[in-house]
N, C-alpha and C. Protein backbone atom coordinates (compact mmCIF):
# COMPACT_ATOMS: atom_id res chain seq x y z
N MET A 1 47.12 49.98 -44.91
CA MET A 1 46.48 49.87 -44.07
C MET A 1 45.40 49.00 -44.63
N SER A 2 44.85 49.65 -45.64
CA SER A 2 43.63 49.70 -46.41
C SER A 2 43.45 47.80 -47.04
N ILE A 3 44.20 48.40 -47.65
CA ILE A 3 44.67 46.95 -48.15
C ILE A 3 44.46 45.82 -47.76
N LEU A 4 45.49 45.93 -46.71
CA LEU A 4 45.34 44.43 -45.93
C LEU A 4 44.10 44.31 -45.05
N ALA A 5 43.21 45.49 -44.23
CA ALA A 5 42.15 45.45 -43.55
C ALA A 5 40.93 44.99 -44.38
N ARG A 6 41.17 44.98 -45.91
CA ARG A 6 40.31 44.21 -46.92
C ARG A 6 40.09 42.65 -47.45
N ALA A 7 41.53 42.79 -47.52
CA ALA A 7 41.85 41.31 -47.43
C ALA A 7 41.32 40.01 -47.33
N THR A 8 40.91 38.85 -48.23
CA THR A 8 40.04 37.93 -47.30
C THR A 8 41.31 37.11 -45.74
N SER A 9 40.68 36.35 -44.91
CA SER A 9 41.47 35.62 -44.44
C SER A 9 42.74 35.34 -44.77
N GLY A 10 41.78 33.74 -45.44
CA GLY A 10 42.89 33.45 -46.42
C GLY A 10 43.79 33.81 -47.35
N GLU A 11 43.72 35.03 -48.30
CA GLU A 11 44.82 35.99 -48.79
C GLU A 11 46.11 35.95 -48.09
N LEU A 12 45.62 36.61 -46.87
CA LEU A 12 46.81 36.69 -45.65
C LEU A 12 46.95 35.47 -45.34
N GLU A 13 46.94 34.76 -45.09
CA GLU A 13 47.19 33.17 -44.35
C GLU A 13 48.12 32.68 -45.02
N ALA A 14 47.45 32.77 -46.57
CA ALA A 14 48.69 32.47 -48.15
C ALA A 14 50.12 32.94 -47.54
N ALA A 15 49.85 34.37 -47.64
CA ALA A 15 50.61 35.34 -47.42
C ALA A 15 51.70 35.30 -46.69
N TRP A 16 51.36 34.80 -45.51
CA TRP A 16 51.88 34.72 -44.61
C TRP A 16 52.77 32.88 -44.56
N GLU A 17 52.30 31.68 -45.22
CA GLU A 17 52.35 30.50 -45.25
C GLU A 17 53.88 30.84 -46.32
N ARG A 18 53.73 32.35 -46.86
CA ARG A 18 55.24 32.21 -48.32
C ARG A 18 55.89 32.72 -48.13
N ILE A 19 56.32 33.62 -46.67
CA ILE A 19 57.48 33.96 -46.14
C ILE A 19 58.65 33.00 -45.22
N GLU A 20 59.79 32.93 -46.13
CA GLU A 20 60.45 32.63 -45.82
C GLU A 20 61.34 32.67 -44.18
N GLU A 21 60.96 33.55 -43.83
CA GLU A 21 61.84 33.94 -42.47
C GLU A 21 60.53 34.29 -41.64
N ARG A 22 60.30 33.62 -40.82
CA ARG A 22 58.65 34.41 -39.97
C ARG A 22 59.48 35.12 -38.90
N PRO A 23 58.88 36.36 -39.46
CA PRO A 23 58.90 37.78 -37.87
C PRO A 23 58.89 36.61 -36.68
N ARG A 24 59.49 36.79 -35.46
CA ARG A 24 59.01 36.51 -34.35
C ARG A 24 58.22 37.91 -33.38
N TYR A 25 57.30 38.13 -32.88
CA TYR A 25 56.59 39.00 -32.37
C TYR A 25 55.50 38.66 -31.22
N ALA A 26 55.04 39.69 -30.90
CA ALA A 26 53.98 39.16 -29.54
C ALA A 26 53.14 40.44 -29.42
N VAL A 27 52.15 39.49 -28.88
CA VAL A 27 50.68 40.55 -29.45
C VAL A 27 50.61 41.54 -28.57
N LEU A 28 50.48 42.58 -28.79
CA LEU A 28 50.32 43.90 -27.42
C LEU A 28 49.31 44.01 -27.28
N ARG A 29 48.01 43.74 -28.01
CA ARG A 29 46.43 43.82 -27.98
C ARG A 29 45.94 42.88 -27.97
N ARG A 30 45.54 41.16 -28.04
CA ARG A 30 44.97 40.61 -28.61
C ARG A 30 44.06 41.26 -29.70
N PRO A 31 43.79 40.38 -29.99
CA PRO A 31 42.26 40.61 -31.53
C PRO A 31 41.00 40.69 -30.77
N GLU A 32 40.90 41.68 -30.93
CA GLU A 32 39.45 41.87 -30.09
C GLU A 32 38.30 42.32 -31.01
N THR A 33 37.27 41.71 -30.78
CA THR A 33 35.86 42.51 -31.55
C THR A 33 35.25 43.17 -30.52
N GLY A 34 35.02 44.18 -31.56
CA GLY A 34 33.37 45.23 -30.47
C GLY A 34 32.98 46.12 -31.65
N LEU A 35 31.80 47.36 -31.81
CA LEU A 35 31.45 47.73 -32.68
C LEU A 35 31.63 49.42 -32.61
N VAL A 36 31.35 49.74 -33.85
CA VAL A 36 32.09 51.68 -34.16
C VAL A 36 30.85 51.90 -34.52
N MET A 37 30.62 53.01 -34.55
CA MET A 37 29.18 53.94 -33.96
C MET A 37 29.73 54.43 -36.64
N VAL A 38 28.97 54.20 -37.29
CA VAL A 38 29.44 54.53 -38.60
C VAL A 38 28.49 55.61 -39.10
N ARG A 39 28.77 56.88 -39.90
CA ARG A 39 28.22 58.27 -39.57
C ARG A 39 28.26 58.25 -41.92
N GLY A 40 27.29 58.48 -41.41
CA GLY A 40 27.19 59.32 -42.63
C GLY A 40 26.54 60.52 -42.85
N ARG A 41 26.23 60.89 -44.40
CA ARG A 41 26.06 62.86 -44.58
C ARG A 41 24.82 62.29 -45.26
N ALA A 42 23.86 63.29 -44.96
CA ALA A 42 22.81 63.33 -46.05
C ALA A 42 22.63 63.76 -47.28
N GLY A 43 22.34 62.84 -48.72
CA GLY A 43 23.06 63.43 -49.72
C GLY A 43 24.89 63.48 -50.15
N GLY A 44 24.85 62.85 -49.56
CA GLY A 44 26.41 62.44 -49.93
C GLY A 44 27.20 63.97 -49.13
N THR A 45 27.19 65.17 -49.03
CA THR A 45 27.70 66.13 -48.54
C THR A 45 27.20 66.76 -47.55
N GLY A 46 25.68 66.66 -46.93
CA GLY A 46 24.84 67.34 -46.31
C GLY A 46 25.29 66.91 -44.28
N ASP A 47 24.71 67.13 -43.65
CA ASP A 47 24.81 67.07 -42.64
C ASP A 47 24.66 65.74 -42.00
N PRO A 48 25.96 65.20 -41.12
CA PRO A 48 26.07 64.19 -40.74
C PRO A 48 25.00 63.66 -39.60
N PHE A 49 25.54 62.83 -39.77
CA PHE A 49 24.05 61.48 -38.67
C PHE A 49 24.54 60.24 -38.34
N ASN A 50 24.38 59.52 -37.70
CA ASN A 50 24.81 58.30 -36.92
C ASN A 50 24.06 57.35 -38.07
N PHE A 51 24.74 56.87 -38.83
CA PHE A 51 24.00 55.72 -39.78
C PHE A 51 24.16 54.21 -38.75
N GLY A 52 24.61 53.99 -38.20
CA GLY A 52 24.39 53.05 -37.13
C GLY A 52 25.27 52.18 -37.07
N GLU A 53 25.94 51.06 -36.54
CA GLU A 53 26.97 50.62 -35.45
C GLU A 53 27.52 49.22 -36.58
N MET A 54 29.14 49.09 -36.67
CA MET A 54 29.75 47.97 -37.75
C MET A 54 30.55 47.36 -36.22
N THR A 55 30.88 45.88 -36.65
CA THR A 55 31.13 44.97 -36.34
C THR A 55 33.10 44.93 -36.30
N VAL A 56 34.14 45.35 -35.79
CA VAL A 56 35.51 45.64 -35.52
C VAL A 56 36.03 44.75 -34.86
N THR A 57 36.62 44.52 -35.73
CA THR A 57 37.89 43.68 -35.27
C THR A 57 39.11 44.00 -35.18
N ARG A 58 39.70 44.74 -33.76
CA ARG A 58 41.50 45.67 -33.62
C ARG A 58 42.51 44.54 -33.64
N CYS A 59 43.94 44.50 -33.44
CA CYS A 59 45.18 44.62 -33.29
C CYS A 59 45.87 44.84 -32.48
N ALA A 60 46.90 44.32 -31.91
CA ALA A 60 48.45 45.14 -32.60
C ALA A 60 49.44 44.81 -31.77
N VAL A 61 50.60 44.33 -32.36
CA VAL A 61 51.46 43.21 -32.37
C VAL A 61 53.36 43.91 -32.05
N ARG A 62 54.26 44.04 -31.82
CA ARG A 62 55.36 44.41 -31.75
C ARG A 62 56.39 43.14 -32.29
N LEU A 63 56.68 43.21 -33.06
CA LEU A 63 58.29 42.73 -33.74
C LEU A 63 59.43 42.82 -32.94
N ALA A 64 60.04 41.18 -33.03
CA ALA A 64 61.34 41.06 -32.41
C ALA A 64 62.40 42.40 -32.12
N ASP A 65 62.26 43.36 -33.33
CA ASP A 65 62.69 44.46 -33.39
C ASP A 65 62.52 45.82 -33.00
N GLY A 66 60.99 45.57 -31.76
CA GLY A 66 60.23 47.19 -31.68
C GLY A 66 58.88 47.16 -32.90
N THR A 67 59.44 46.99 -33.72
CA THR A 67 58.33 48.01 -34.93
C THR A 67 57.30 47.52 -34.06
N MET A 68 56.08 48.39 -34.17
CA MET A 68 54.60 47.95 -33.92
C MET A 68 53.70 48.32 -35.04
N GLY A 69 52.57 47.38 -35.08
CA GLY A 69 51.83 47.44 -36.30
C GLY A 69 50.20 46.63 -35.84
N HIS A 70 49.30 47.53 -36.44
CA HIS A 70 47.88 47.82 -35.89
C HIS A 70 47.68 47.02 -36.95
N CYS A 71 46.03 46.96 -36.74
CA CYS A 71 44.94 46.28 -37.65
C CYS A 71 43.54 46.77 -36.93
N TYR A 72 42.94 47.45 -37.37
CA TYR A 72 41.21 47.60 -37.39
C TYR A 72 40.92 47.07 -38.91
N ALA A 73 39.85 45.96 -38.42
CA ALA A 73 39.28 45.45 -39.69
C ALA A 73 37.65 45.08 -39.34
N ALA A 74 37.06 44.94 -40.62
CA ALA A 74 35.65 44.86 -40.09
C ALA A 74 35.36 43.51 -40.58
N GLY A 75 34.23 43.50 -39.20
CA GLY A 75 34.44 42.04 -39.45
C GLY A 75 35.00 41.29 -37.63
N ARG A 76 34.56 39.66 -37.53
CA ARG A 76 34.76 39.02 -36.42
C ARG A 76 35.93 38.12 -36.73
N ASP A 77 36.92 38.56 -37.40
CA ASP A 77 37.71 37.60 -37.87
C ASP A 77 39.09 37.98 -36.93
N LYS A 78 39.05 37.85 -35.62
CA LYS A 78 40.79 37.28 -34.87
C LYS A 78 41.80 37.39 -35.70
N ARG A 79 42.11 36.00 -36.46
CA ARG A 79 43.65 35.60 -37.19
C ARG A 79 44.03 36.64 -38.10
N LYS A 80 42.77 37.66 -39.25
CA LYS A 80 42.75 38.15 -39.91
C LYS A 80 43.38 39.53 -39.01
N ALA A 81 42.94 39.91 -38.54
CA ALA A 81 43.51 40.98 -38.24
C ALA A 81 44.85 41.20 -37.24
N GLU A 82 45.23 40.16 -36.12
CA GLU A 82 46.54 39.65 -36.52
C GLU A 82 47.04 39.47 -37.56
N LEU A 83 47.53 39.05 -38.35
CA LEU A 83 48.29 38.75 -39.06
C LEU A 83 48.31 40.46 -40.37
N ALA A 84 47.21 41.25 -40.32
CA ALA A 84 47.13 41.94 -40.97
C ALA A 84 48.27 43.19 -40.20
N ALA A 85 48.05 43.15 -38.47
CA ALA A 85 48.75 43.67 -37.80
C ALA A 85 50.30 43.21 -38.02
N VAL A 86 50.26 41.91 -38.19
CA VAL A 86 52.03 42.13 -38.35
C VAL A 86 52.51 42.21 -39.84
N PHE A 87 51.44 42.62 -40.76
CA PHE A 87 52.26 42.99 -41.96
C PHE A 87 51.94 44.02 -42.28
N ASP A 88 51.42 44.98 -41.47
CA ASP A 88 51.44 46.08 -41.36
C ASP A 88 52.64 46.68 -40.40
N ALA A 89 53.20 45.76 -39.72
CA ALA A 89 54.58 46.47 -38.86
C ALA A 89 55.41 45.18 -39.64
N LEU A 90 55.77 45.14 -40.47
CA LEU A 90 56.84 44.16 -41.40
C LEU A 90 56.86 45.84 -42.92
N MET A 91 55.91 46.29 -43.04
CA MET A 91 55.64 47.03 -43.91
C MET A 91 56.75 48.60 -43.34
N GLN A 92 57.20 49.04 -42.00
CA GLN A 92 57.66 50.24 -41.80
C GLN A 92 59.20 49.73 -41.69
N GLY A 93 59.22 48.40 -41.71
CA GLY A 93 60.61 48.22 -42.07
C GLY A 93 61.53 47.99 -43.17
N ALA A 94 62.91 47.62 -42.91
CA ALA A 94 64.02 47.09 -43.88
C ALA A 94 63.21 46.73 -45.26
N GLY A 95 62.18 45.44 -44.54
CA GLY A 95 61.86 44.83 -45.77
C GLY A 95 61.11 45.31 -46.45
N SER A 96 60.06 46.13 -45.75
CA SER A 96 58.52 46.67 -46.84
C SER A 96 58.55 46.95 -48.51
N ALA A 97 60.02 46.59 -48.96
CA ALA A 97 59.97 46.69 -50.94
C ALA A 97 59.23 45.69 -50.88
N ARG A 98 60.24 43.87 -50.19
CA ARG A 98 59.49 42.86 -50.28
C ARG A 98 58.41 42.31 -50.25
N ILE A 99 58.27 43.34 -48.80
CA ILE A 99 56.21 42.67 -48.60
C ILE A 99 55.24 43.52 -49.45
N GLU A 100 55.78 44.49 -50.09
CA GLU A 100 54.88 45.53 -51.03
C GLU A 100 54.86 44.56 -52.31
N GLU A 101 55.83 44.36 -53.02
CA GLU A 101 55.68 43.50 -53.90
C GLU A 101 55.12 42.16 -53.56
N THR A 102 55.41 41.29 -52.81
CA THR A 102 54.87 39.76 -52.63
C THR A 102 53.67 40.11 -51.45
N VAL A 103 53.38 41.11 -51.02
CA VAL A 103 51.96 40.65 -50.44
C VAL A 103 51.12 41.95 -50.91
N ILE A 104 51.45 42.91 -51.10
CA ILE A 104 50.71 44.05 -50.91
C ILE A 104 50.51 44.31 -52.51
N ALA A 105 51.06 44.38 -53.30
CA ALA A 105 50.96 44.60 -54.55
C ALA A 105 49.75 43.54 -55.16
N PRO A 106 50.11 42.08 -55.10
CA PRO A 106 48.74 41.24 -55.63
C PRO A 106 47.73 41.49 -54.65
N LEU A 107 47.68 41.45 -53.47
CA LEU A 107 45.96 41.91 -52.96
C LEU A 107 45.71 43.46 -53.75
N THR A 108 46.61 44.27 -54.03
CA THR A 108 45.91 45.58 -54.06
C THR A 108 45.84 45.64 -55.70
N ARG A 109 45.92 44.52 -57.03
CA ARG A 109 45.93 43.75 -57.46
C ARG A 109 44.23 42.90 -57.50
N ARG A 110 44.33 42.07 -57.09
CA ARG A 110 42.83 41.37 -57.17
C ARG A 110 41.55 42.68 -56.40
N GLN A 111 41.98 43.25 -55.26
CA GLN A 111 40.94 44.07 -54.73
C GLN A 111 40.15 44.93 -56.33
N ALA A 112 41.08 44.98 -57.06
CA ALA A 112 41.02 46.71 -57.85
C ALA A 112 40.27 45.69 -58.92
N ALA A 113 40.92 44.49 -59.14
CA ALA A 113 39.96 43.83 -60.09
C ALA A 113 38.28 43.28 -59.88
N GLU A 114 37.92 43.14 -58.36
CA GLU A 114 37.23 42.40 -57.86
C GLU A 114 35.89 43.71 -58.04
N ARG A 115 36.38 45.29 -57.44
CA ARG A 115 35.86 46.40 -57.73
C ARG A 115 35.45 46.52 -59.44
N GLU A 116 36.33 46.49 -60.08
CA GLU A 116 35.81 46.35 -61.62
C GLU A 116 34.53 45.47 -62.06
N ARG A 117 34.62 44.26 -61.17
CA ARG A 117 33.87 43.27 -61.60
C ARG A 117 32.99 44.16 -61.14
N VAL A 118 32.23 44.27 -60.44
CA VAL A 118 31.39 44.05 -59.87
C VAL A 118 30.61 45.87 -60.54
N SER A 119 31.46 46.64 -60.20
CA SER A 119 30.91 48.15 -61.16
C SER A 119 30.43 47.99 -62.71
N ARG A 120 31.08 46.06 -63.56
CA ARG A 120 30.40 46.39 -64.75
C ARG A 120 29.11 45.77 -64.47
N LYS A 121 29.16 45.04 -63.57
CA LYS A 121 27.90 44.60 -63.11
C LYS A 121 26.77 45.32 -62.85
N ALA A 122 27.04 46.46 -62.19
CA ALA A 122 26.07 47.08 -61.98
C ALA A 122 25.94 48.48 -62.99
N ALA A 123 26.71 48.43 -63.74
CA ALA A 123 26.61 49.11 -64.80
C ALA A 123 25.49 48.77 -65.97
N ALA A 124 25.73 47.06 -66.00
CA ALA A 124 24.74 46.87 -66.78
C ALA A 124 23.22 46.53 -66.61
N THR A 125 23.09 46.77 -65.41
CA THR A 125 21.96 47.04 -65.36
C THR A 125 21.37 48.67 -65.24
N LYS A 126 22.28 49.89 -65.49
CA LYS A 126 21.45 51.22 -65.84
C LYS A 126 21.21 51.90 -66.67
N VAL A 127 19.77 52.67 -66.26
CA VAL A 127 18.83 52.31 -67.22
C VAL A 127 18.64 54.24 -67.33
N ASP A 128 18.98 54.23 -68.87
CA ASP A 128 19.14 55.75 -68.80
C ASP A 128 17.91 56.45 -69.21
N PHE A 129 17.04 56.85 -68.48
CA PHE A 129 15.50 57.44 -68.03
C PHE A 129 15.67 58.70 -69.19
N PHE A 130 16.75 59.36 -69.79
CA PHE A 130 17.17 60.26 -70.64
C PHE A 130 16.68 60.24 -72.08
N THR A 131 16.93 58.59 -72.05
CA THR A 131 16.87 58.27 -74.01
C THR A 131 15.17 57.69 -73.67
N MET A 132 14.64 57.81 -72.93
CA MET A 132 12.91 57.69 -73.50
C MET A 132 12.07 58.86 -74.00
N VAL A 133 11.11 58.47 -74.46
CA VAL A 133 10.45 59.13 -75.67
C VAL A 133 9.00 59.49 -74.79
N ARG A 134 9.01 60.96 -74.14
CA ARG A 134 7.77 61.00 -73.61
C ARG A 134 6.55 61.43 -74.73
N GLY A 135 5.32 61.13 -74.30
CA GLY A 135 4.13 61.49 -75.07
C GLY A 135 4.01 62.82 -74.87
N ASP A 136 4.57 64.06 -74.78
CA ASP A 136 4.36 65.58 -74.56
C ASP A 136 5.38 65.87 -76.13
N ASN A 137 6.11 64.76 -76.16
CA ASN A 137 7.08 65.34 -77.82
C ASN A 137 7.05 65.18 -78.77
N PRO A 138 6.69 66.18 -79.52
CA PRO A 138 5.81 66.43 -80.91
C PRO A 138 7.01 65.17 -81.81
N GLY A 139 6.94 64.70 -82.80
CA GLY A 139 7.05 64.10 -83.31
C GLY A 139 8.39 63.40 -83.70
């Protein structure tokens, strides 16, 4: 589900278009946008505190065979939430291996490559303060 929630609307729309036999589905909870409270921890491990609010869109669908799918995704993109919920439902059925191979795996690779790119960019700006020579060090 996290892979689907992090995908772009365009990626999900393209994946939907590639499906040969698109399933019929009913929307149980139409896509709706709201706020959730984001919690943090001081120093990553300390006491929890309310960091702020974040916009989230949620949706729930039911396929013709009765399988339900859900999505909670950051942002306001209602179509993305609906498609992610449909793919979530499809991942629970007999064709899950096909969806894993054709939808989830490519999204996983793209997201991993993006994380690596951002990580390399951040690493290029790293300053190692321990290599600097201090004035009180002899020789």
